[in-house]
Amino acid sequence: MNERVMQFRIGMFVIVAGLVLTMLIVWFGESPQLFNDYVYVVVHYEEAPGVAVGIPVRKSGIRVGSVTAVNFDDRPQKGDGVLITLSLERKHRIKAGSVPRLSRSLIGDLSVDLLPGKGPGLLTAARTPENAPLIEGEIAPDPSKALAAATKAFEKAGSTLQSIDLAANGIAEMTKSASKIEEFIDTWSQTGLKVSSAAAGIDRFIAANEKDFQPAVANLRQVSQKVNDTFDAQTQAALKTGVDRLATAFAKFELNMTEAAPLFKDLGAPSNTIPTTDFGITLRRLNLIASDLSLLSRALNDGRGRLNQNGSIQKLLLRTELHDNFNKMAVAANEVFTALRPIVASIRTFADKVARDPSALSRGALQRQ
């Protein structure tokens, strides 16, 4: 067997194996629908939480199709909603009037259940999704929400039963205390007798000291009359004026404290806060000046309370050669300025002449030629 025949046989084997593998995948995988005949229907829902492509469509618990597309309802002059395209196997006979209802199980699985239709004939469908008719769907109640509502209801019922139990316990305690009512009545009767005896004693005391009470009452009247005479109209007016002034002073003090509140806020604020009052700005500047002076004194200090001998200012003050250099620089600058004075005077004279007669420049140039 030559090499060409061997290569041909290997190629044919690979092709046949690929075809067989493709057929197995189609038949036993997730693509049997390639060989089925489908029709399409578009369903409108107000909302479709959790719906995705591939969700099964069932009729009476038997799968008859699946969801192939999920889109928003962008039709003009229509409300918001979701349009879900259903692919239904054509071999199943679905009556007209069937309503696709979204159902969710307790564990969260979604499916589209076709409620039995009562209309005559079969459900209208199209061979392509583009031409699919539009029908309205409905959403089944979420069992998880119903379970949560039932749980809250049971909790409220438990609270009510607890309140009833507490009320029953209170009634039982009152029943136990009913036996002590007679003792309470007897005690109240004895207290009333004692109060009557005390009232009789007070009457006897008043009758025995009636003569002393009259002078005491007269003295009390005299004292009140003297107090009224002391507080005459002038004294009352002065007292009223003093109270008014005191109230005015307190009002001014409160107003001043209110106006000084920003100042107190600036005084109590951290050092990195920008003040809002003039006094606060002045204090901040003083703080900055004090900080600069502290830095300067720290730079001049050698750390032991003495002037730093190696500092620039100390050298400037103590070393004579620095003074001599500054003097020489001053003398040289003075000489330069002295030499420049005639030149500056000449330039000033020339500028004055040009300003008076600008044509003198052209005449001078012609004369030089």
Foldseek 3Di string as FASTA:
>chain_A
DDPVVVVVVVVVVVVVVVVVVVVCCCVVHDNVCVPFQKWKAKEKDQEDPPDDWFAFEDEPRHTFWTWHDKAWPPDPPDDTTIIIMIIGGPVDFAADQWAFEWDADPVGRIHTYTHHGDDPGGHDTHRDSVPGYYDYHYYDDHVVVVVVVVVVVVVVVVVVVVVVVVVVVVVVVVVVCVVCVVVVVVVVVVVVVVVVVVVVVVVVVCVVCVVVVVVVVVVVVVVVVVVDVVCDPVNVVVVVVVVVVVVVVVVVVVVVCVVCVLVVVLVPDDLPDDRDDPVSVVVNVVVVVVVVVVVVVVQQDPPPPDGDCPDPVNCCVPPVVNVVVVVVVVVVVVVVVVVCVVVVVVVVVVVVVCVVPVCVVVVVVVVVD
